[in-house]
Amino acid sequence: MTLALEVKVPREELFKLISDSIKYDMSLHSKKRFEEGAMYNKTLNNYKGKPRAVTISITALSEECIEFFTASKKLKIKTNYSLDVQGSTTQINYSESLINNGWLEKLNYNIMSFIYQKRNKKKLLHQFRSMENYYLDTIKKNP
């Protein structure tokens, strides 16, 4: 799944908002520091609501790119946030892809992604717009 969106937030602030969210998630599940190469375990629910233990590995961490892998026993998913400056706005390029060898797992992932794609994109758009609104509200309160 890919998503491109332009927001009225400077790249530095957007990076801070995304990284703060990841730091908070890490603090709930691990005592490790938020840095490139960090790994932590947590439990996520699959599309049926069943819990699944996963390991999250942060592989790239800079103001231009945040990348991490979410791996369970069967699947490994690569998630990438690319942040490009577009004048006074920032272009967010979000991508999520399956890294796996089995064709059956790829087929299942593609089918489920297709079924839930609209819902997932809507949730992501809402998440990015909420970040933008939070930043704009903060600027209005503290000029």
N, C-alpha and C. Protein backbone atom coordinates (compact mmCIF):
# COMPACT_ATOMS: atom_id res chain seq x y z
N MET A 1 0.85 -1.17 0.00
CA MET A 1 0.00 0.00 0.00
C MET A 1 0.89 1.23 0.00
N THR A 2 0.53 2.18 -0.79
CA THR A 2 1.26 3.45 -0.81
C THR A 2 0.27 4.60 -0.66
N LEU A 3 0.78 5.70 -0.12
CA LEU A 3 -0.04 6.89 0.07
C LEU A 3 0.86 8.10 0.00
N ALA A 4 0.46 9.10 -0.76
CA ALA A 4 1.20 10.37 -0.84
C ALA A 4 0.25 11.48 -0.40
N LEU A 5 0.77 12.36 0.44
CA LEU A 5 -0.05 13.43 0.99
C LEU A 5 0.82 14.64 1.29
N GLU A 6 0.31 15.81 1.00
CA GLU A 6 1.02 17.05 1.30
C GLU A 6 0.37 17.69 2.52
N VAL A 7 1.20 18.03 3.53
CA VAL A 7 0.70 18.65 4.75
C VAL A 7 1.42 19.97 5.00
N LYS A 8 0.74 20.86 5.72
CA LYS A 8 1.28 22.20 6.00
C LYS A 8 2.09 22.20 7.30
N VAL A 9 3.06 21.31 7.35
CA VAL A 9 3.91 21.15 8.53
C VAL A 9 5.36 21.06 8.05
N PRO A 10 6.27 21.82 8.67
CA PRO A 10 7.69 21.68 8.28
C PRO A 10 8.19 20.26 8.54
N ARG A 11 9.13 19.82 7.73
CA ARG A 11 9.64 18.45 7.83
C ARG A 11 10.18 18.15 9.23
N GLU A 12 10.90 19.10 9.84
CA GLU A 12 11.47 18.86 11.16
C GLU A 12 10.38 18.57 12.19
N GLU A 13 9.29 19.34 12.13
CA GLU A 13 8.18 19.15 13.07
C GLU A 13 7.44 17.84 12.80
N LEU A 14 7.27 17.51 11.53
CA LEU A 14 6.59 16.27 11.17
C LEU A 14 7.42 15.06 11.62
N PHE A 15 8.73 15.13 11.41
CA PHE A 15 9.61 14.07 11.88
C PHE A 15 9.49 13.92 13.40
N LYS A 16 9.45 15.04 14.10
CA LYS A 16 9.33 15.00 15.56
C LYS A 16 8.00 14.36 15.98
N LEU A 17 6.91 14.70 15.31
CA LEU A 17 5.60 14.13 15.65
C LEU A 17 5.58 12.61 15.42
N ILE A 18 6.11 12.16 14.27
CA ILE A 18 6.12 10.73 13.96
C ILE A 18 7.06 10.00 14.92
N SER A 19 8.24 10.55 15.14
CA SER A 19 9.20 9.87 16.02
C SER A 19 8.70 9.86 17.47
N ASP A 20 8.02 10.91 17.93
CA ASP A 20 7.45 10.90 19.28
C ASP A 20 6.41 9.79 19.43
N SER A 21 5.64 9.56 18.37
CA SER A 21 4.65 8.49 18.38
C SER A 21 5.33 7.13 18.50
N ILE A 22 6.41 6.93 17.76
CA ILE A 22 7.15 5.66 17.82
C ILE A 22 7.83 5.51 19.19
N LYS A 23 8.40 6.62 19.70
CA LYS A 23 9.03 6.58 21.03
C LYS A 23 8.02 6.16 22.10
N TYR A 24 6.82 6.71 22.02
CA TYR A 24 5.79 6.37 22.99
C TYR A 24 5.44 4.88 22.90
N ASP A 25 5.29 4.38 21.68
CA ASP A 25 4.99 2.97 21.49
C ASP A 25 6.11 2.10 22.06
N MET A 26 7.36 2.51 21.82
CA MET A 26 8.50 1.76 22.35
C MET A 26 8.50 1.78 23.88
N SER A 27 8.16 2.92 24.47
CA SER A 27 8.17 3.03 25.94
C SER A 27 7.13 2.12 26.58
N LEU A 28 6.05 1.83 25.85
CA LEU A 28 5.02 0.93 26.38
C LEU A 28 5.46 -0.53 26.36
N HIS A 29 6.38 -0.87 25.43
CA HIS A 29 6.72 -2.28 25.22
C HIS A 29 8.18 -2.62 25.48
N SER A 30 9.02 -1.62 25.75
CA SER A 30 10.44 -1.90 25.88
C SER A 30 11.12 -0.78 26.66
N LYS A 31 12.29 -1.06 27.15
CA LYS A 31 13.11 -0.05 27.83
C LYS A 31 14.23 0.44 26.91
N LYS A 32 14.22 0.00 25.65
CA LYS A 32 15.31 0.35 24.73
C LYS A 32 15.18 1.79 24.25
N ARG A 33 16.33 2.34 23.84
CA ARG A 33 16.37 3.71 23.32
C ARG A 33 15.85 3.75 21.89
N PHE A 34 15.25 4.86 21.54
CA PHE A 34 14.76 5.09 20.18
C PHE A 34 15.94 5.52 19.32
N GLU A 35 16.42 4.60 18.50
CA GLU A 35 17.56 4.89 17.63
C GLU A 35 17.54 3.89 16.47
N GLU A 36 18.29 4.22 15.44
CA GLU A 36 18.41 3.32 14.31
C GLU A 36 19.01 2.00 14.79
N GLY A 37 18.42 0.89 14.38
CA GLY A 37 18.90 -0.42 14.81
C GLY A 37 18.16 -0.98 16.02
N ALA A 38 17.32 -0.17 16.65
CA ALA A 38 16.58 -0.64 17.83
C ALA A 38 15.52 -1.67 17.43
N MET A 39 15.30 -2.63 18.32
CA MET A 39 14.28 -3.65 18.11
C MET A 39 13.47 -3.80 19.39
N TYR A 40 12.16 -4.03 19.24
CA TYR A 40 11.33 -4.31 20.42
C TYR A 40 10.17 -5.22 20.02
N ASN A 41 9.62 -5.89 21.00
CA ASN A 41 8.51 -6.84 20.78
C ASN A 41 7.22 -6.24 21.28
N LYS A 42 6.15 -6.58 20.59
CA LYS A 42 4.82 -6.17 21.03
C LYS A 42 3.79 -7.13 20.45
N THR A 43 2.56 -6.99 20.87
CA THR A 43 1.48 -7.84 20.37
C THR A 43 0.51 -6.96 19.58
N LEU A 44 0.23 -7.38 18.34
CA LEU A 44 -0.74 -6.70 17.49
C LEU A 44 -1.87 -7.67 17.19
N ASN A 45 -3.04 -7.13 16.89
CA ASN A 45 -4.16 -7.96 16.48
C ASN A 45 -4.20 -8.03 14.96
N ASN A 46 -4.48 -9.23 14.42
CA ASN A 46 -4.63 -9.35 12.97
C ASN A 46 -6.02 -8.89 12.56
N TYR A 47 -6.35 -9.02 11.29
CA TYR A 47 -7.64 -8.52 10.80
C TYR A 47 -8.83 -9.25 11.41
N LYS A 48 -8.61 -10.44 11.98
CA LYS A 48 -9.67 -11.18 12.65
C LYS A 48 -9.76 -10.83 14.13
N GLY A 49 -8.82 -10.01 14.63
CA GLY A 49 -8.80 -9.64 16.02
C GLY A 49 -7.99 -10.57 16.90
N LYS A 50 -7.29 -11.52 16.28
CA LYS A 50 -6.47 -12.45 17.06
C LYS A 50 -5.11 -11.83 17.34
N PRO A 51 -4.61 -11.94 18.58
CA PRO A 51 -3.31 -11.36 18.91
C PRO A 51 -2.17 -12.13 18.24
N ARG A 52 -1.15 -11.38 17.82
CA ARG A 52 0.03 -11.97 17.18
C ARG A 52 1.26 -11.22 17.68
N ALA A 53 2.23 -11.98 18.17
CA ALA A 53 3.49 -11.39 18.65
C ALA A 53 4.32 -10.97 17.44
N VAL A 54 4.85 -9.75 17.48
CA VAL A 54 5.69 -9.25 16.39
C VAL A 54 6.93 -8.59 16.98
N THR A 55 7.96 -8.50 16.14
CA THR A 55 9.18 -7.79 16.48
C THR A 55 9.29 -6.60 15.53
N ILE A 56 9.50 -5.43 16.07
CA ILE A 56 9.62 -4.23 15.25
C ILE A 56 11.08 -3.79 15.28
N SER A 57 11.66 -3.60 14.10
CA SER A 57 13.07 -3.21 13.95
C SER A 57 13.14 -1.88 13.20
N ILE A 58 13.76 -0.88 13.80
CA ILE A 58 13.93 0.42 13.14
C ILE A 58 15.21 0.35 12.32
N THR A 59 15.08 0.50 10.99
CA THR A 59 16.24 0.34 10.11
C THR A 59 16.78 1.65 9.56
N ALA A 60 15.96 2.68 9.49
CA ALA A 60 16.43 3.99 9.02
C ALA A 60 15.74 5.07 9.83
N LEU A 61 16.51 6.07 10.23
CA LEU A 61 15.96 7.11 11.08
C LEU A 61 16.66 8.43 10.78
N SER A 62 16.01 9.27 10.00
CA SER A 62 16.52 10.61 9.70
C SER A 62 15.33 11.50 9.39
N GLU A 63 15.58 12.79 9.24
CA GLU A 63 14.47 13.70 8.94
C GLU A 63 13.87 13.44 7.55
N GLU A 64 14.62 12.77 6.68
CA GLU A 64 14.11 12.48 5.34
C GLU A 64 13.36 11.16 5.28
N CYS A 65 13.68 10.23 6.19
CA CYS A 65 13.13 8.88 6.07
C CYS A 65 13.08 8.17 7.42
N ILE A 66 11.94 7.56 7.69
CA ILE A 66 11.81 6.66 8.83
C ILE A 66 11.37 5.32 8.25
N GLU A 67 12.13 4.27 8.54
CA GLU A 67 11.80 2.96 7.99
C GLU A 67 11.92 1.91 9.08
N PHE A 68 10.94 1.00 9.12
CA PHE A 68 11.01 -0.09 10.08
C PHE A 68 10.36 -1.34 9.51
N PHE A 69 10.74 -2.47 10.08
CA PHE A 69 10.17 -3.76 9.70
C PHE A 69 9.37 -4.30 10.87
N THR A 70 8.21 -4.89 10.54
CA THR A 70 7.38 -5.57 11.51
C THR A 70 7.39 -7.04 11.12
N ALA A 71 7.92 -7.89 11.97
CA ALA A 71 8.07 -9.30 11.62
C ALA A 71 7.37 -10.19 12.62
N SER A 72 6.61 -11.14 12.10
CA SER A 72 6.02 -12.19 12.93
C SER A 72 6.61 -13.51 12.45
N LYS A 73 6.06 -14.62 12.91
CA LYS A 73 6.59 -15.92 12.48
C LYS A 73 6.43 -16.12 10.97
N LYS A 74 5.33 -15.61 10.40
CA LYS A 74 5.03 -15.87 9.00
C LYS A 74 5.33 -14.70 8.08
N LEU A 75 5.19 -13.48 8.57
CA LEU A 75 5.27 -12.31 7.69
C LEU A 75 6.35 -11.33 8.13
N LYS A 76 6.86 -10.59 7.15
CA LYS A 76 7.77 -9.47 7.42
C LYS A 76 7.28 -8.31 6.55
N ILE A 77 6.88 -7.22 7.20
CA ILE A 77 6.33 -6.07 6.48
C ILE A 77 7.25 -4.87 6.66
N LYS A 78 7.59 -4.24 5.55
CA LYS A 78 8.44 -3.05 5.56
C LYS A 78 7.54 -1.82 5.48
N THR A 79 7.73 -0.89 6.42
CA THR A 79 6.97 0.36 6.43
C THR A 79 7.96 1.51 6.29
N ASN A 80 7.64 2.46 5.40
CA ASN A 80 8.56 3.56 5.12
C ASN A 80 7.79 4.88 5.08
N TYR A 81 8.29 5.86 5.83
CA TYR A 81 7.80 7.23 5.76
C TYR A 81 8.91 8.05 5.12
N SER A 82 8.64 8.62 3.94
CA SER A 82 9.61 9.50 3.29
C SER A 82 9.04 10.92 3.36
N LEU A 83 9.85 11.86 3.86
CA LEU A 83 9.39 13.24 4.06
C LEU A 83 10.18 14.18 3.14
N ASP A 84 9.51 14.76 2.16
CA ASP A 84 10.15 15.65 1.19
C ASP A 84 9.62 17.07 1.34
N VAL A 85 10.53 18.04 1.39
CA VAL A 85 10.14 19.44 1.53
C VAL A 85 9.60 19.94 0.19
N GLN A 86 8.44 20.60 0.25
CA GLN A 86 7.81 21.20 -0.92
C GLN A 86 7.49 22.66 -0.59
N GLY A 87 8.48 23.52 -0.53
CA GLY A 87 8.27 24.91 -0.13
C GLY A 87 7.97 24.97 1.36
N SER A 88 6.79 25.51 1.72
CA SER A 88 6.41 25.61 3.13
C SER A 88 5.64 24.38 3.61
N THR A 89 5.46 23.40 2.73
CA THR A 89 4.75 22.18 3.09
C THR A 89 5.70 20.98 3.00
N THR A 90 5.21 19.84 3.45
CA THR A 90 5.98 18.60 3.39
C THR A 90 5.16 17.53 2.70
N GLN A 91 5.78 16.85 1.77
CA GLN A 91 5.15 15.73 1.07
C GLN A 91 5.48 14.45 1.84
N ILE A 92 4.44 13.75 2.31
CA ILE A 92 4.63 12.47 3.00
C ILE A 92 4.38 11.38 1.98
N ASN A 93 5.35 10.51 1.82
CA ASN A 93 5.19 9.33 0.98
C ASN A 93 5.27 8.12 1.90
N TYR A 94 4.13 7.49 2.12
CA TYR A 94 4.05 6.33 3.01
C TYR A 94 3.95 5.09 2.15
N SER A 95 4.73 4.08 2.49
CA SER A 95 4.61 2.81 1.77
C SER A 95 4.73 1.66 2.75
N GLU A 96 4.01 0.61 2.42
CA GLU A 96 3.99 -0.59 3.23
C GLU A 96 4.03 -1.76 2.25
N SER A 97 5.00 -2.66 2.45
CA SER A 97 5.11 -3.79 1.52
C SER A 97 5.54 -5.05 2.25
N LEU A 98 5.16 -6.18 1.68
CA LEU A 98 5.48 -7.47 2.25
C LEU A 98 6.86 -7.92 1.75
N ILE A 99 7.68 -8.35 2.67
CA ILE A 99 8.99 -8.92 2.34
C ILE A 99 8.90 -10.39 2.73
N ASN A 100 8.74 -11.26 1.75
CA ASN A 100 8.57 -12.67 2.05
C ASN A 100 8.89 -13.51 0.83
N ASN A 101 9.21 -14.77 1.04
CA ASN A 101 9.55 -15.66 -0.06
C ASN A 101 8.37 -16.49 -0.55
N GLY A 102 7.44 -16.80 0.32
CA GLY A 102 6.35 -17.70 -0.04
C GLY A 102 5.29 -17.04 -0.91
N TRP A 103 4.95 -17.65 -2.02
CA TRP A 103 3.96 -17.07 -2.92
C TRP A 103 2.57 -17.09 -2.30
N LEU A 104 2.28 -18.10 -1.46
CA LEU A 104 0.97 -18.17 -0.83
C LEU A 104 0.78 -17.03 0.17
N GLU A 105 1.85 -16.72 0.94
CA GLU A 105 1.78 -15.59 1.87
C GLU A 105 1.60 -14.27 1.13
N LYS A 106 2.32 -14.12 0.01
CA LYS A 106 2.18 -12.90 -0.80
C LYS A 106 0.78 -12.77 -1.35
N LEU A 107 0.23 -13.87 -1.85
CA LEU A 107 -1.12 -13.86 -2.39
C LEU A 107 -2.13 -13.48 -1.31
N ASN A 108 -2.01 -14.10 -0.14
CA ASN A 108 -2.91 -13.80 0.97
C ASN A 108 -2.78 -12.34 1.39
N TYR A 109 -1.54 -11.84 1.50
CA TYR A 109 -1.31 -10.45 1.88
C TYR A 109 -1.93 -9.49 0.87
N ASN A 110 -1.74 -9.78 -0.43
CA ASN A 110 -2.30 -8.91 -1.48
C ASN A 110 -3.82 -8.91 -1.46
N ILE A 111 -4.43 -10.06 -1.24
CA ILE A 111 -5.90 -10.14 -1.18
C ILE A 111 -6.41 -9.36 0.03
N MET A 112 -5.81 -9.57 1.19
CA MET A 112 -6.26 -8.88 2.39
C MET A 112 -5.99 -7.38 2.29
N SER A 113 -4.88 -7.00 1.70
CA SER A 113 -4.58 -5.58 1.51
C SER A 113 -5.61 -4.94 0.61
N PHE A 114 -5.99 -5.64 -0.45
CA PHE A 114 -7.00 -5.11 -1.37
C PHE A 114 -8.33 -4.91 -0.65
N ILE A 115 -8.72 -5.90 0.16
CA ILE A 115 -10.00 -5.83 0.87
C ILE A 115 -10.01 -4.67 1.87
N TYR A 116 -8.90 -4.50 2.61
CA TYR A 116 -8.86 -3.49 3.67
C TYR A 116 -8.17 -2.19 3.25
N GLN A 117 -7.81 -2.07 1.98
CA GLN A 117 -7.04 -0.91 1.52
C GLN A 117 -7.76 0.41 1.76
N LYS A 118 -9.02 0.50 1.43
CA LYS A 118 -9.76 1.76 1.58
C LYS A 118 -9.82 2.18 3.05
N ARG A 119 -10.11 1.22 3.92
CA ARG A 119 -10.18 1.52 5.36
C ARG A 119 -8.82 1.95 5.89
N ASN A 120 -7.76 1.24 5.50
CA ASN A 120 -6.43 1.56 5.99
C ASN A 120 -5.95 2.93 5.50
N LYS A 121 -6.24 3.25 4.24
CA LYS A 121 -5.85 4.57 3.72
C LYS A 121 -6.62 5.68 4.43
N LYS A 122 -7.88 5.42 4.71
CA LYS A 122 -8.70 6.41 5.41
C LYS A 122 -8.14 6.66 6.81
N LYS A 123 -7.73 5.59 7.51
CA LYS A 123 -7.14 5.73 8.84
C LYS A 123 -5.83 6.50 8.79
N LEU A 124 -5.00 6.20 7.78
CA LEU A 124 -3.72 6.91 7.64
C LEU A 124 -3.94 8.39 7.33
N LEU A 125 -4.86 8.68 6.41
CA LEU A 125 -5.16 10.08 6.08
C LEU A 125 -5.61 10.82 7.33
N HIS A 126 -6.46 10.19 8.12
CA HIS A 126 -6.94 10.80 9.35
C HIS A 126 -5.77 11.04 10.31
N GLN A 127 -4.88 10.07 10.42
CA GLN A 127 -3.72 10.20 11.30
C GLN A 127 -2.83 11.37 10.87
N PHE A 128 -2.53 11.48 9.57
CA PHE A 128 -1.68 12.57 9.09
C PHE A 128 -2.37 13.92 9.20
N ARG A 129 -3.66 13.97 8.93
CA ARG A 129 -4.40 15.23 9.09
C ARG A 129 -4.48 15.64 10.56
N SER A 130 -4.58 14.68 11.45
CA SER A 130 -4.58 14.99 12.89
C SER A 130 -3.24 15.59 13.30
N MET A 131 -2.14 15.06 12.77
CA MET A 131 -0.82 15.63 13.05
C MET A 131 -0.73 17.06 12.55
N GLU A 132 -1.25 17.27 11.34
CA GLU A 132 -1.24 18.61 10.76
C GLU A 132 -2.07 19.56 11.60
N ASN A 133 -3.27 19.15 11.99
CA ASN A 133 -4.14 20.01 12.81
C ASN A 133 -3.52 20.28 14.18
N TYR A 134 -2.90 19.29 14.78
CA TYR A 134 -2.22 19.49 16.06
C TYR A 134 -1.13 20.55 15.93
N TYR A 135 -0.34 20.45 14.88
CA TYR A 135 0.74 21.43 14.66
C TYR A 135 0.16 22.82 14.42
N LEU A 136 -0.85 22.94 13.57
CA LEU A 136 -1.44 24.24 13.26
C LEU A 136 -2.10 24.86 14.49
N ASP A 137 -2.77 24.05 15.31
CA ASP A 137 -3.37 24.54 16.55
C ASP A 137 -2.31 25.01 17.54
N THR A 138 -1.20 24.30 17.61
CA THR A 138 -0.09 24.67 18.50
C THR A 138 0.51 26.00 18.07
N ILE A 139 0.65 26.21 16.75
CA ILE A 139 1.22 27.45 16.22
C ILE A 139 0.27 28.62 16.54
N LYS A 140 -1.03 28.41 16.42
CA LYS A 140 -1.99 29.47 16.70
C LYS A 140 -1.97 29.87 18.17
N LYS A 141 -1.80 28.88 19.07
CA LYS A 141 -1.78 29.16 20.50
C LYS A 141 -0.46 29.80 20.95
N ASN A 142 0.64 29.43 20.31
CA ASN A 142 1.98 29.93 20.68
C ASN A 142 2.66 30.53 19.45
N PRO A 143 2.24 31.71 19.00
CA PRO A 143 2.84 32.29 17.78
C PRO A 143 4.30 32.67 17.93
